Amino acid sequence: MRKELENELDPINMIESDFVWKAHNRLRQNRGKVLPVFVKSHDAKEERGSFYMRLVMDNEITYMQAEEFSSTELARDFPKLYERWGWKELQPNIYRLNTAKAF
């Protein structure tokens, strides 16, 4: 368990402005780490969901990957919310963004 905790960055809220760009920069500066993401509006008392992001290499291409969504609804809505970035579904509820094309 301790190893996983050492591998996690401080969480980021998905409703922050420029969320995808901020998440990418944090992951790029902390390669090999996992970024916990939560969803909480400014006026909400509780989080409305969570998931994790990380950078992965596949065929010499670096992707930002979103996975382990806490709800089916959040997983379904995620690519719609960030459609302009070009997220692609790798498997059900796992999405990837080609960082070379996006940034």
C-alpha atoms as a PDB file:
ATOM      1  CA  MET A   1       0.000   0.000   0.000  1.00  0.00           C
ATOM      2  CA  ARG A   2       2.759   2.451   0.862  1.00  0.00           C
ATOM      3  CA  LYS A   3       4.274   2.036  -2.608  1.00  0.00           C
ATOM      4  CA  GLU A   4       0.993   3.072  -4.252  1.00  0.00           C
ATOM      5  CA  LEU A   5       0.724   6.125  -2.007  1.00  0.00           C
ATOM      6  CA  GLU A   6       4.252   7.188  -2.928  1.00  0.00           C
ATOM      7  CA  ASN A   7       3.287   6.903  -6.585  1.00  0.00           C
ATOM      8  CA  GLU A   8       0.269   9.230  -6.314  1.00  0.00           C
ATOM      9  CA  LEU A   9       0.322  12.963  -6.851  1.00  0.00           C
ATOM     10  CA  ASP A  10      -1.934  15.374  -5.004  1.00  0.00           C
ATOM     11  CA  PRO A  11      -5.446  15.165  -6.480  1.00  0.00           C
ATOM     12  CA  ILE A  12      -6.822  17.664  -8.961  1.00  0.00           C
ATOM     13  CA  ASN A  13     -10.424  18.784  -9.406  1.00  0.00           C
ATOM     14  CA  MET A  14     -11.852  18.109 -12.860  1.00  0.00           C
ATOM     15  CA  ILE A  15     -13.866  21.342 -12.841  1.00  0.00           C
ATOM     16  CA  GLU A  16     -10.736  23.533 -12.706  1.00  0.00           C
ATOM     17  CA  SER A  17     -10.266  25.737 -15.718  1.00  0.00           C
ATOM     18  CA  ASP A  18      -7.799  24.233 -18.223  1.00  0.00           C
ATOM     19  CA  PHE A  19      -8.070  20.904 -16.391  1.00  0.00           C
ATOM     20  CA  VAL A  20      -6.632  18.718 -19.181  1.00  0.00           C
ATOM     21  CA  TRP A  21      -3.677  21.034 -19.758  1.00  0.00           C
ATOM     22  CA  LYS A  22      -2.928  21.277 -16.009  1.00  0.00           C
ATOM     23  CA  ALA A  23      -3.207  17.511 -15.558  1.00  0.00           C
ATOM     24  CA  HIS A  24      -0.882  16.890 -18.507  1.00  0.00           C
ATOM     25  CA  ASN A  25       1.737  19.296 -17.169  1.00  0.00           C
ATOM     26  CA  ARG A  26       1.634  17.756 -13.720  1.00  0.00           C
ATOM     27  CA  LEU A  27       2.025  14.241 -15.141  1.00  0.00           C
ATOM     28  CA  ARG A  28       4.792  15.316 -17.516  1.00  0.00           C
ATOM     29  CA  GLN A  29       6.732  16.850 -14.639  1.00  0.00           C
ATOM     30  CA  ASN A  30       6.206  13.719 -12.524  1.00  0.00           C
ATOM     31  CA  ARG A  31       6.696  10.829 -14.942  1.00  0.00           C
ATOM     32  CA  GLY A  32       5.689   7.448 -13.573  1.00  0.00           C
ATOM     33  CA  LYS A  33       3.204   8.964 -11.123  1.00  0.00           C
ATOM     34  CA  VAL A  34      -0.568   8.593 -11.022  1.00  0.00           C
ATOM     35  CA  LEU A  35      -2.843  11.634 -10.778  1.00  0.00           C
ATOM     36  CA  PRO A  36      -6.066  11.165  -8.806  1.00  0.00           C
ATOM     37  CA  VAL A  37      -8.898  13.277 -10.202  1.00  0.00           C
ATOM     38  CA  PHE A  38     -12.082  14.179  -8.387  1.00  0.00           C
ATOM     39  CA  VAL A  39     -15.228  15.991  -9.452  1.00  0.00           C
ATOM     40  CA  LYS A  40     -16.604  18.544  -7.039  1.00  0.00           C
ATOM     41  CA  SER A  41     -18.374  21.756  -7.896  1.00  0.00           C
ATOM     42  CA  HIS A  42     -17.551  24.818  -5.834  1.00  0.00           C
ATOM     43  CA  ASP A  43     -20.873  24.734  -4.001  1.00  0.00           C
ATOM     44  CA  ALA A  44     -21.090  20.948  -3.501  1.00  0.00           C
ATOM     45  CA  LYS A  45     -20.432  19.377  -0.128  1.00  0.00           C
ATOM     46  CA  GLU A  46     -19.398  16.014  -1.532  1.00  0.00           C
ATOM     47  CA  GLU A  47     -17.387  14.753  -4.453  1.00  0.00           C
ATOM     48  CA  ARG A  48     -19.450  13.533  -7.385  1.00  0.00           C
ATOM     49  CA  GLY A  49     -16.943  11.032  -8.673  1.00  0.00           C
ATOM     50  CA  SER A  50     -13.294  10.258  -9.251  1.00  0.00           C
ATOM     51  CA  PHE A  51     -10.836   8.563 -11.591  1.00  0.00           C
ATOM     52  CA  TYR A  52      -7.101   8.358 -12.250  1.00  0.00           C
ATOM     53  CA  MET A  53      -4.846   9.704 -14.980  1.00  0.00           C
ATOM     54  CA  ARG A  54      -1.335   8.704 -15.976  1.00  0.00           C
ATOM     55  CA  LEU A  55       1.052   8.876 -18.911  1.00  0.00           C
ATOM     56  CA  VAL A  56       1.621   5.663 -20.850  1.00  0.00           C
ATOM     57  CA  MET A  57       3.909   4.818 -23.742  1.00  0.00           C
ATOM     58  CA  ASP A  58       2.585   2.667 -26.577  1.00  0.00           C
ATOM     59  CA  ASN A  59       4.535   2.172 -29.818  1.00  0.00           C
ATOM     60  CA  GLU A  60       6.784   5.112 -28.907  1.00  0.00           C
ATOM     61  CA  ILE A  61       3.782   7.430 -28.547  1.00  0.00           C
ATOM     62  CA  THR A  62       2.999   9.061 -25.214  1.00  0.00           C
ATOM     63  CA  TYR A  63      -0.644   9.021 -24.230  1.00  0.00           C
ATOM     64  CA  MET A  64      -2.475  10.536 -21.322  1.00  0.00           C
ATOM     65  CA  GLN A  65      -4.793   7.829 -20.007  1.00  0.00           C
ATOM     66  CA  ALA A  66      -7.939   8.207 -17.881  1.00  0.00           C
ATOM     67  CA  GLU A  67      -9.224   5.107 -16.115  1.00  0.00           C
ATOM     68  CA  GLU A  68     -10.807   3.610 -12.984  1.00  0.00           C
ATOM     69  CA  PHE A  69     -13.859   5.850 -13.047  1.00  0.00           C
ATOM     70  CA  SER A  70     -15.959   5.664  -9.894  1.00  0.00           C
ATOM     71  CA  SER A  71     -19.201   5.575 -11.861  1.00  0.00           C
ATOM     72  CA  THR A  72     -20.432   4.475 -15.263  1.00  0.00           C
ATOM     73  CA  GLU A  73     -22.033   7.876 -15.748  1.00  0.00           C
ATOM     74  CA  LEU A  74     -18.743   9.724 -15.219  1.00  0.00           C
ATOM     75  CA  ALA A  75     -16.934   7.333 -17.561  1.00  0.00           C
ATOM     76  CA  ARG A  76     -19.602   7.812 -20.231  1.00  0.00           C
ATOM     77  CA  ASP A  77     -19.627  11.611 -19.918  1.00  0.00           C
ATOM     78  CA  PHE A  78     -15.848  12.130 -19.748  1.00  0.00           C
ATOM     79  CA  PRO A  79     -15.081  11.952 -23.504  1.00  0.00           C
ATOM     80  CA  LYS A  80     -18.101  14.146 -24.263  1.00  0.00           C
ATOM     81  CA  LEU A  81     -16.963  16.828 -21.820  1.00  0.00           C
ATOM     82  CA  TYR A  82     -13.483  16.963 -23.358  1.00  0.00           C
ATOM     83  CA  GLU A  83     -14.396  16.080 -26.947  1.00  0.00           C
ATOM     84  CA  ARG A  84     -12.347  18.935 -28.411  1.00  0.00           C
ATOM     85  CA  TRP A  85      -9.173  17.328 -27.059  1.00  0.00           C
ATOM     86  CA  GLY A  86      -9.671  14.124 -29.041  1.00  0.00           C
ATOM     87  CA  TRP A  87      -9.898  11.483 -26.330  1.00  0.00           C
ATOM     88  CA  LYS A  88     -10.320   7.981 -27.783  1.00  0.00           C
ATOM     89  CA  GLU A  89     -11.790   4.961 -26.045  1.00  0.00           C
ATOM     90  CA  LEU A  90      -9.154   2.240 -25.707  1.00  0.00           C
ATOM     91  CA  GLN A  91     -11.412  -0.180 -23.838  1.00  0.00           C
ATOM     92  CA  PRO A  92     -14.701   0.371 -22.057  1.00  0.00           C
ATOM     93  CA  ASN A  93     -14.121   3.143 -19.499  1.00  0.00           C
ATOM     94  CA  ILE A  94     -10.447   3.647 -20.438  1.00  0.00           C
ATOM     95  CA  TYR A  95      -9.645   6.687 -22.569  1.00  0.00           C
ATOM     96  CA  ARG A  96      -6.430   7.875 -24.179  1.00  0.00           C
ATOM     97  CA  LEU A  97      -5.260  11.180 -25.551  1.00  0.00           C
ATOM     98  CA  ASN A  98      -2.266  11.318 -27.915  1.00  0.00           C
ATOM     99  CA  THR A  99      -0.158  14.025 -26.275  1.00  0.00           C
ATOM    100  CA  ALA A 100       1.813  14.765 -29.452  1.00  0.00           C
ATOM    101  CA  LYS A 101      -1.376  15.754 -31.259  1.00  0.00           C
ATOM    102  CA  ALA A 102      -3.085  17.509 -28.344  1.00  0.00           C
ATOM    103  CA  PHE A 103      -0.357  19.731 -26.925  1.00  0.00           C
END
